Amino acid sequence: MDCVVETFGLTKRYGRETVVDGLDLAIGAGEIFGLLGPNGAGKTTTLLMLLGLSEPSSGRSRVLGHDPVREPLAVKSQVGYMAENMGVYADLTARQNLLFLAGLNGIEKPAVDECLELVGLASVADRRAGTFSRGMRQRLGLAEVLIKNPRLAFLDEPTLGLDPDGIATMLELIERLPREKGLTIVLSSHLLHLVSRVAGRVGILDRGRLLALGTVAGLAGECGAAEDLEAIYRHFLKGTGEAAA
């Protein structure tokens, strides 16, 4: 497997609290990989370490061949990040938001129209983002990731707060990106039943520890849960006091 993300005993502590605990992970090129777990499982902290935005307490990682601690700019130049609460400039249009972001990143001739077309916002490119629905703002956030033409994208809870139609639209977009843009995607969420629609493999985290790794079908067989997604989740989170989302 041609790995674009590798972690080796990756650990993050805040005082006496261990947020990510000895994480060993390998994600291949072109994958949609689901990083799953309840709130507080360590998902976002893991992404921030992989981006070079938070330094690990111990262990190491490689992202697209670079060490995020020693080469953070090399990582950021090739990785797009959609935070859980993606911000947009409400007084700017969708097009202006993308142009502004491109300018901040020194991107010449940004493919603004192409990105807006891909996320289904071409017809509202000149509307102020402040008038957009939650789902439209999330799609604009995804366009802000794509404007960098990254090789790898980290999407943190991209369906959070969306209605069923918005969720379906976002998942369809995510599923298309490896095929149409050659992207590798790490999709962080607490919702197994949504991630399983698009992810080839998933890793289940709880309290910083990787409890399970594999395809949904493989994990189902391991715990004897057939395709009962909630049962799979509960099986690997048993004893933690957490319920499946």
C-alpha atoms as a PDB file:
ATOM      1  CA  MET A   1       0.000   0.000   0.000  1.00  0.00           C
ATOM      2  CA  ASP A   2       1.315   3.444  -0.952  1.00  0.00           C
ATOM      3  CA  CYS A   3       0.854   5.221   2.388  1.00  0.00           C
ATOM      4  CA  VAL A   4       0.154   8.937   2.572  1.00  0.00           C
ATOM      5  CA  VAL A   5      -0.414   8.982   6.354  1.00  0.00           C
ATOM      6  CA  GLU A   6       1.516   6.897   8.872  1.00  0.00           C
ATOM      7  CA  THR A   7       1.655   7.183  12.641  1.00  0.00           C
ATOM      8  CA  PHE A   8       4.011   5.365  14.968  1.00  0.00           C
ATOM      9  CA  GLY A   9       3.047   5.356  18.628  1.00  0.00           C
ATOM     10  CA  LEU A  10       1.598   8.841  18.224  1.00  0.00           C
ATOM     11  CA  THR A  11       0.720  10.196  21.673  1.00  0.00           C
ATOM     12  CA  LYS A  12      -0.589  13.493  23.028  1.00  0.00           C
ATOM     13  CA  ARG A  13      -0.827  14.345  26.718  1.00  0.00           C
ATOM     14  CA  TYR A  14      -2.132  17.430  28.448  1.00  0.00           C
ATOM     15  CA  GLY A  15      -0.765  17.222  31.974  1.00  0.00           C
ATOM     16  CA  ARG A  16      -1.854  13.867  33.330  1.00  0.00           C
ATOM     17  CA  GLU A  17      -4.529  13.360  30.689  1.00  0.00           C
ATOM     18  CA  THR A  18      -3.654  11.240  27.659  1.00  0.00           C
ATOM     19  CA  VAL A  19      -5.761  12.385  24.705  1.00  0.00           C
ATOM     20  CA  VAL A  20      -4.139  10.227  22.011  1.00  0.00           C
ATOM     21  CA  ASP A  21      -2.498   7.036  23.218  1.00  0.00           C
ATOM     22  CA  GLY A  22       0.131   5.222  21.122  1.00  0.00           C
ATOM     23  CA  LEU A  23      -1.687   5.488  17.796  1.00  0.00           C
ATOM     24  CA  ASP A  24      -0.346   3.261  14.995  1.00  0.00           C
ATOM     25  CA  LEU A  25      -2.069   3.881  11.699  1.00  0.00           C
ATOM     26  CA  ALA A  26      -1.437   3.642   7.945  1.00  0.00           C
ATOM     27  CA  ILE A  27      -3.705   5.239   5.328  1.00  0.00           C
ATOM     28  CA  GLY A  28      -3.218   4.501   1.644  1.00  0.00           C
ATOM     29  CA  ALA A  29      -3.353   6.838  -1.344  1.00  0.00           C
ATOM     30  CA  GLY A  30      -6.856   7.291  -2.743  1.00  0.00           C
ATOM     31  CA  GLU A  31      -8.619   5.968   0.362  1.00  0.00           C
ATOM     32  CA  ILE A  32     -11.598   7.435   2.113  1.00  0.00           C
ATOM     33  CA  PHE A  33     -10.695   6.523   5.678  1.00  0.00           C
ATOM     34  CA  GLY A  34     -13.166   6.976   8.521  1.00  0.00           C
ATOM     35  CA  LEU A  35     -11.758   8.046  11.886  1.00  0.00           C
ATOM     36  CA  LEU A  36     -14.583   7.230  14.273  1.00  0.00           C
ATOM     37  CA  GLY A  37     -15.325   7.646  17.945  1.00  0.00           C
ATOM     38  CA  PRO A  38     -17.434   9.508  20.484  1.00  0.00           C
ATOM     39  CA  ASN A  39     -16.779  13.096  21.484  1.00  0.00           C
ATOM     40  CA  GLY A  40     -13.472  13.290  23.343  1.00  0.00           C
ATOM     41  CA  ALA A  41     -12.049  10.201  21.644  1.00  0.00           C
ATOM     42  CA  GLY A  42      -9.009  12.080  20.319  1.00  0.00           C
ATOM     43  CA  LYS A  43     -10.034  12.413  16.678  1.00  0.00           C
ATOM     44  CA  THR A  44      -9.519  16.163  16.266  1.00  0.00           C
ATOM     45  CA  THR A  45      -6.300  16.120  18.288  1.00  0.00           C
ATOM     46  CA  THR A  46      -4.978  13.422  15.958  1.00  0.00           C
ATOM     47  CA  LEU A  47      -5.777  15.546  12.904  1.00  0.00           C
ATOM     48  CA  LEU A  48      -4.126  18.618  14.436  1.00  0.00           C
ATOM     49  CA  MET A  49      -0.931  16.640  15.080  1.00  0.00           C
ATOM     50  CA  LEU A  50      -0.936  15.340  11.512  1.00  0.00           C
ATOM     51  CA  LEU A  51      -1.277  18.929  10.279  1.00  0.00           C
ATOM     52  CA  GLY A  52       1.633  20.143  12.375  1.00  0.00           C
ATOM     53  CA  LEU A  53      -0.685  22.362  14.428  1.00  0.00           C
ATOM     54  CA  SER A  54      -0.085  20.431  17.660  1.00  0.00           C
ATOM     55  CA  GLU A  55       3.162  18.744  18.657  1.00  0.00           C
ATOM     56  CA  PRO A  56       2.961  15.145  19.910  1.00  0.00           C
ATOM     57  CA  SER A  57       4.162  14.295  23.394  1.00  0.00           C
ATOM     58  CA  SER A  58       5.805  11.176  21.970  1.00  0.00           C
ATOM     59  CA  GLY A  59       5.744   9.049  18.840  1.00  0.00           C
ATOM     60  CA  ARG A  60       5.886  10.393  15.318  1.00  0.00           C
ATOM     61  CA  SER A  61       4.004  10.607  12.054  1.00  0.00           C
ATOM     62  CA  ARG A  62       4.600  10.983   8.325  1.00  0.00           C
ATOM     63  CA  VAL A  63       2.185  12.827   6.069  1.00  0.00           C
ATOM     64  CA  LEU A  64       2.868  12.681   2.335  1.00  0.00           C
ATOM     65  CA  GLY A  65       6.446  11.783   3.201  1.00  0.00           C
ATOM     66  CA  HIS A  66       6.947  14.733   5.573  1.00  0.00           C
ATOM     67  CA  ASP A  67       7.303  15.024   9.324  1.00  0.00           C
ATOM     68  CA  PRO A  68       4.590  17.474  10.472  1.00  0.00           C
ATOM     69  CA  VAL A  69       6.730  18.611  13.422  1.00  0.00           C
ATOM     70  CA  ARG A  70       9.847  19.427  11.405  1.00  0.00           C
ATOM     71  CA  GLU A  71       8.185  20.265   8.059  1.00  0.00           C
ATOM     72  CA  PRO A  72       4.780  21.805   8.888  1.00  0.00           C
ATOM     73  CA  LEU A  73       4.728  24.113   5.872  1.00  0.00           C
ATOM     74  CA  ALA A  74       5.416  21.222   3.487  1.00  0.00           C
ATOM     75  CA  VAL A  75       2.470  19.369   5.007  1.00  0.00           C
ATOM     76  CA  LYS A  76       0.091  22.351   5.021  1.00  0.00           C
ATOM     77  CA  SER A  77       0.892  23.145   1.382  1.00  0.00           C
ATOM     78  CA  GLN A  78      -0.443  19.729   0.298  1.00  0.00           C
ATOM     79  CA  VAL A  79      -3.185  19.056   2.835  1.00  0.00           C
ATOM     80  CA  GLY A  80      -6.637  20.625   3.054  1.00  0.00           C
ATOM     81  CA  TYR A  81      -8.409  20.845   6.401  1.00  0.00           C
ATOM     82  CA  MET A  82     -12.129  21.361   6.967  1.00  0.00           C
ATOM     83  CA  ALA A  83     -12.636  22.074  10.659  1.00  0.00           C
ATOM     84  CA  GLU A  84     -15.760  21.038  12.539  1.00  0.00           C
ATOM     85  CA  ASN A  85     -16.935  24.660  12.644  1.00  0.00           C
ATOM     86  CA  MET A  86     -15.749  25.879   9.267  1.00  0.00           C
ATOM     87  CA  GLY A  87     -15.738  29.665   9.130  1.00  0.00           C
ATOM     88  CA  VAL A  88     -16.722  31.726   6.112  1.00  0.00           C
ATOM     89  CA  TYR A  89     -16.843  35.477   5.661  1.00  0.00           C
ATOM     90  CA  ALA A  90     -20.552  36.274   5.781  1.00  0.00           C
ATOM     91  CA  ASP A  91     -20.259  39.650   4.000  1.00  0.00           C
ATOM     92  CA  LEU A  92     -18.321  38.178   1.077  1.00  0.00           C
ATOM     93  CA  THR A  93     -19.803  36.210  -1.782  1.00  0.00           C
ATOM     94  CA  ALA A  94     -18.902  32.568  -2.291  1.00  0.00           C
ATOM     95  CA  ARG A  95     -16.504  33.561  -5.074  1.00  0.00           C
ATOM     96  CA  GLN A  96     -14.920  36.301  -2.967  1.00  0.00           C
ATOM     97  CA  ASN A  97     -14.421  33.885  -0.066  1.00  0.00           C
ATOM     98  CA  LEU A  98     -12.452  31.530  -2.311  1.00  0.00           C
ATOM     99  CA  LEU A  99     -10.433  34.338  -3.908  1.00  0.00           C
ATOM    100  CA  PHE A 100      -9.543  35.744  -0.502  1.00  0.00           C
ATOM    101  CA  LEU A 101      -8.401  32.335   0.757  1.00  0.00           C
ATOM    102  CA  ALA A 102      -6.402  31.758  -2.419  1.00  0.00           C
ATOM    103  CA  GLY A 103      -4.672  35.110  -1.914  1.00  0.00           C
ATOM    104  CA  LEU A 104      -3.750  34.263   1.682  1.00  0.00           C
ATOM    105  CA  ASN A 105      -2.168  31.021   0.467  1.00  0.00           C
ATOM    106  CA  GLY A 106      -0.377  32.579  -2.496  1.00  0.00           C
ATOM    107  CA  ILE A 107      -2.339  30.493  -4.988  1.00  0.00           C
ATOM    108  CA  GLU A 108      -2.016  31.850  -8.514  1.00  0.00           C
ATOM    109  CA  LYS A 109      -4.934  31.504 -10.928  1.00  0.00           C
ATOM    110  CA  PRO A 110      -7.192  29.690  -8.449  1.00  0.00           C
ATOM    111  CA  ALA A 111      -9.793  27.411 -10.013  1.00  0.00           C
ATOM    112  CA  VAL A 112     -12.676  29.192  -8.270  1.00  0.00           C
ATOM    113  CA  ASP A 113     -15.409  28.394 -10.772  1.00  0.00           C
ATOM    114  CA  GLU A 114     -14.324  24.765 -11.026  1.00  0.00           C
ATOM    115  CA  CYS A 115     -14.454  24.343  -7.239  1.00  0.00           C
ATOM    116  CA  LEU A 116     -17.855  26.023  -6.945  1.00  0.00           C
ATOM    117  CA  GLU A 117     -19.201  23.868  -9.765  1.00  0.00           C
ATOM    118  CA  LEU A 118     -17.898  20.710  -8.109  1.00  0.00           C
ATOM    119  CA  VAL A 119     -19.661  21.459  -4.804  1.00  0.00           C
ATOM    120  CA  GLY A 120     -22.867  22.608  -6.483  1.00  0.00           C
ATOM    121  CA  LEU A 121     -22.592  26.329  -5.722  1.00  0.00           C
ATOM    122  CA  ALA A 122     -21.871  27.735  -9.202  1.00  0.00           C
ATOM    123  CA  SER A 123     -25.369  29.209  -9.488  1.00  0.00           C
ATOM    124  CA  VAL A 124     -24.944  31.174  -6.233  1.00  0.00           C
ATOM    125  CA  ALA A 125     -21.297  32.149  -6.679  1.00  0.00           C
ATOM    126  CA  ASP A 126     -22.109  35.861  -6.322  1.00  0.00           C
ATOM    127  CA  ARG A 127     -24.420  35.582  -3.336  1.00  0.00           C
ATOM    128  CA  ARG A 128     -23.167  36.624   0.085  1.00  0.00           C
ATOM    129  CA  ALA A 129     -22.221  33.620   2.190  1.00  0.00           C
ATOM    130  CA  GLY A 130     -24.217  35.059   5.087  1.00  0.00           C
ATOM    131  CA  THR A 131     -27.413  34.201   3.221  1.00  0.00           C
ATOM    132  CA  PHE A 132     -26.441  30.537   2.802  1.00  0.00           C
ATOM    133  CA  SER A 133     -28.059  27.629   4.615  1.00  0.00           C
ATOM    134  CA  ARG A 134     -25.929  25.434   6.887  1.00  0.00           C
ATOM    135  CA  GLY A 135     -25.576  22.867   4.106  1.00  0.00           C
ATOM    136  CA  MET A 136     -24.469  25.502   1.586  1.00  0.00           C
ATOM    137  CA  ARG A 137     -21.900  26.883   4.037  1.00  0.00           C
ATOM    138  CA  GLN A 138     -20.527  23.368   4.552  1.00  0.00           C
ATOM    139  CA  ARG A 139     -20.193  22.938   0.791  1.00  0.00           C
ATOM    140  CA  LEU A 140     -18.435  26.304   0.580  1.00  0.00           C
ATOM    141  CA  GLY A 141     -16.108  25.047   3.304  1.00  0.00           C
ATOM    142  CA  LEU A 142     -15.365  22.014   1.161  1.00  0.00           C
ATOM    143  CA  ALA A 143     -14.664  24.316  -1.809  1.00  0.00           C
ATOM    144  CA  GLU A 144     -12.185  26.181   0.421  1.00  0.00           C
ATOM    145  CA  VAL A 145     -10.379  22.889   0.947  1.00  0.00           C
ATOM    146  CA  LEU A 146     -10.352  22.133  -2.774  1.00  0.00           C
ATOM    147  CA  ILE A 147      -9.104  25.573  -3.848  1.00  0.00           C
ATOM    148  CA  LYS A 148      -5.652  24.562  -2.571  1.00  0.00           C
ATOM    149  CA  ASN A 149      -5.665  21.567  -4.943  1.00  0.00           C
ATOM    150  CA  PRO A 150      -4.491  19.310  -2.101  1.00  0.00           C
ATOM    151  CA  ARG A 151      -3.389  15.700  -2.316  1.00  0.00           C
ATOM    152  CA  LEU A 152      -4.929  14.879   1.065  1.00  0.00           C
ATOM    153  CA  ALA A 153      -7.961  16.278   2.898  1.00  0.00           C
ATOM    154  CA  PHE A 154      -8.921  16.045   6.562  1.00  0.00           C
ATOM    155  CA  LEU A 155     -12.664  16.568   7.040  1.00  0.00           C
ATOM    156  CA  ASP A 156     -13.728  16.951  10.677  1.00  0.00           C
ATOM    157  CA  GLU A 157     -17.465  16.224  11.197  1.00  0.00           C
ATOM    158  CA  PRO A 158     -18.466  17.584   7.755  1.00  0.00           C
ATOM    159  CA  THR A 159     -22.115  16.493   8.136  1.00  0.00           C
ATOM    160  CA  LEU A 160     -22.616  17.982  11.603  1.00  0.00           C
ATOM    161  CA  GLY A 161     -25.895  19.887  11.876  1.00  0.00           C
ATOM    162  CA  LEU A 162     -27.089  19.055   8.368  1.00  0.00           C
ATOM    163  CA  ASP A 163     -30.566  17.813   7.506  1.00  0.00           C
ATOM    164  CA  PRO A 164     -30.932  14.459   5.693  1.00  0.00           C
ATOM    165  CA  ASP A 165     -30.761  16.052   2.233  1.00  0.00           C
ATOM    166  CA  GLY A 166     -27.678  18.038   3.220  1.00  0.00           C
ATOM    167  CA  ILE A 167     -26.013  14.931   4.605  1.00  0.00           C
ATOM    168  CA  ALA A 168     -26.715  12.980   1.423  1.00  0.00           C
ATOM    169  CA  THR A 169     -25.317  15.791  -0.735  1.00  0.00           C
ATOM    170  CA  MET A 170     -22.152  16.112   1.350  1.00  0.00           C
ATOM    171  CA  LEU A 171     -21.495  12.361   1.360  1.00  0.00           C
ATOM    172  CA  GLU A 172     -22.010  12.173  -2.402  1.00  0.00           C
ATOM    173  CA  LEU A 173     -19.454  14.951  -2.859  1.00  0.00           C
ATOM    174  CA  ILE A 174     -16.945  13.242  -0.585  1.00  0.00           C
ATOM    175  CA  GLU A 175     -17.365   9.931  -2.400  1.00  0.00           C
ATOM    176  CA  ARG A 176     -16.601  11.595  -5.748  1.00  0.00           C
ATOM    177  CA  LEU A 177     -13.408  13.382  -4.703  1.00  0.00           C
ATOM    178  CA  PRO A 178     -10.914  10.475  -4.821  1.00  0.00           C
ATOM    179  CA  ARG A 179     -12.178   9.550  -8.275  1.00  0.00           C
ATOM    180  CA  GLU A 180     -12.453  13.051  -9.750  1.00  0.00           C
ATOM    181  CA  LYS A 181      -9.651  14.892  -7.917  1.00  0.00           C
ATOM    182  CA  GLY A 182      -7.289  12.090  -6.913  1.00  0.00           C
ATOM    183  CA  LEU A 183      -7.730  12.979  -3.249  1.00  0.00           C
ATOM    184  CA  THR A 184      -7.095  10.854  -0.199  1.00  0.00           C
ATOM    185  CA  ILE A 185      -9.651  11.694   2.499  1.00  0.00           C
ATOM    186  CA  VAL A 186      -9.615  11.213   6.252  1.00  0.00           C
ATOM    187  CA  LEU A 187     -13.174  11.665   7.467  1.00  0.00           C
ATOM    188  CA  SER A 188     -13.547  12.237  11.213  1.00  0.00           C
ATOM    189  CA  SER A 189     -16.960  11.609  12.744  1.00  0.00           C
ATOM    190  CA  HIS A 190     -18.861  10.067  15.642  1.00  0.00           C
ATOM    191  CA  LEU A 191     -21.500   8.693  13.248  1.00  0.00           C
ATOM    192  CA  LEU A 192     -20.575   5.225  12.013  1.00  0.00           C
ATOM    193  CA  HIS A 193     -23.764   4.772  10.004  1.00  0.00           C
ATOM    194  CA  LEU A 194     -22.912   7.855   7.890  1.00  0.00           C
ATOM    195  CA  VAL A 195     -19.186   7.245   7.456  1.00  0.00           C
ATOM    196  CA  SER A 196     -19.805   3.636   6.466  1.00  0.00           C
ATOM    197  CA  ARG A 197     -21.612   4.878   3.322  1.00  0.00           C
ATOM    198  CA  VAL A 198     -18.382   6.217   1.823  1.00  0.00           C
ATOM    199  CA  ALA A 199     -15.361   4.915   3.768  1.00  0.00           C
ATOM    200  CA  GLY A 200     -13.446   1.882   2.586  1.00  0.00           C
ATOM    201  CA  ARG A 201     -11.918   1.368   6.023  1.00  0.00           C
ATOM    202  CA  VAL A 202     -12.598   2.778   9.464  1.00  0.00           C
ATOM    203  CA  GLY A 203     -10.656   3.088  12.689  1.00  0.00           C
ATOM    204  CA  ILE A 204     -12.594   3.293  15.962  1.00  0.00           C
ATOM    205  CA  LEU A 205     -11.019   5.457  18.664  1.00  0.00           C
ATOM    206  CA  ASP A 206     -11.995   5.816  22.296  1.00  0.00           C
ATOM    207  CA  ARG A 207     -10.116   7.802  24.933  1.00  0.00           C
ATOM    208  CA  GLY A 208      -7.204   8.106  22.555  1.00  0.00           C
ATOM    209  CA  ARG A 209      -6.803   4.387  21.878  1.00  0.00           C
ATOM    210  CA  LEU A 210      -7.400   2.666  18.554  1.00  0.00           C
ATOM    211  CA  LEU A 211      -9.861  -0.103  19.429  1.00  0.00           C
ATOM    212  CA  ALA A 212     -10.555  -1.497  15.956  1.00  0.00           C
ATOM    213  CA  LEU A 213      -9.385  -1.071  12.374  1.00  0.00           C
ATOM    214  CA  GLY A 214     -10.773  -2.510   9.151  1.00  0.00           C
ATOM    215  CA  THR A 215     -13.693  -2.501   6.748  1.00  0.00           C
ATOM    216  CA  VAL A 216     -17.193  -2.225   8.190  1.00  0.00           C
ATOM    217  CA  ALA A 217     -17.964  -5.725   6.856  1.00  0.00           C
ATOM    218  CA  GLY A 218     -14.785  -7.092   8.433  1.00  0.00           C
ATOM    219  CA  LEU A 219     -15.511  -5.511  11.800  1.00  0.00           C
ATOM    220  CA  ALA A 220     -19.089  -6.779  11.631  1.00  0.00           C
ATOM    221  CA  GLY A 221     -17.830 -10.303  11.162  1.00  0.00           C
ATOM    222  CA  GLU A 222     -15.341  -9.893  13.991  1.00  0.00           C
ATOM    223  CA  CYS A 223     -18.006  -8.973  16.506  1.00  0.00           C
ATOM    224  CA  GLY A 224     -20.798 -11.117  15.053  1.00  0.00           C
ATOM    225  CA  ALA A 225     -23.025  -8.127  14.399  1.00  0.00           C
ATOM    226  CA  ALA A 226     -23.815  -8.741  10.726  1.00  0.00           C
ATOM    227  CA  GLU A 227     -24.419  -5.294   9.239  1.00  0.00           C
ATOM    228  CA  ASP A 228     -25.918  -3.818  12.423  1.00  0.00           C
ATOM    229  CA  LEU A 229     -23.808  -0.672  12.574  1.00  0.00           C
ATOM    230  CA  GLU A 230     -24.856   0.376  16.050  1.00  0.00           C
ATOM    231  CA  ALA A 231     -24.033  -3.086  17.350  1.00  0.00           C
ATOM    232  CA  ILE A 232     -20.550  -2.862  15.808  1.00  0.00           C
ATOM    233  CA  TYR A 233     -19.957   0.472  17.475  1.00  0.00           C
ATOM    234  CA  ARG A 234     -21.211  -0.712  20.853  1.00  0.00           C
ATOM    235  CA  HIS A 235     -19.146  -3.885  20.649  1.00  0.00           C
ATOM    236  CA  PHE A 236     -15.873  -1.989  20.337  1.00  0.00           C
ATOM    237  CA  LEU A 237     -16.864   0.720  22.802  1.00  0.00           C
ATOM    238  CA  LYS A 238     -18.140  -1.719  25.422  1.00  0.00           C
ATOM    239  CA  GLY A 239     -16.922  -0.996  28.873  1.00  0.00           C
ATOM    240  CA  THR A 240     -16.219   2.653  28.094  1.00  0.00           C
ATOM    241  CA  GLY A 241     -19.609   3.944  29.182  1.00  0.00           C
ATOM    242  CA  GLU A 242     -20.249   5.382  25.718  1.00  0.00           C
ATOM    243  CA  ALA A 243     -23.289   4.560  23.592  1.00  0.00           C
ATOM    244  CA  ALA A 244     -23.371   4.449  19.833  1.00  0.00           C
ATOM    245  CA  ALA A 245     -24.460   7.634  18.122  1.00  0.00           C
END
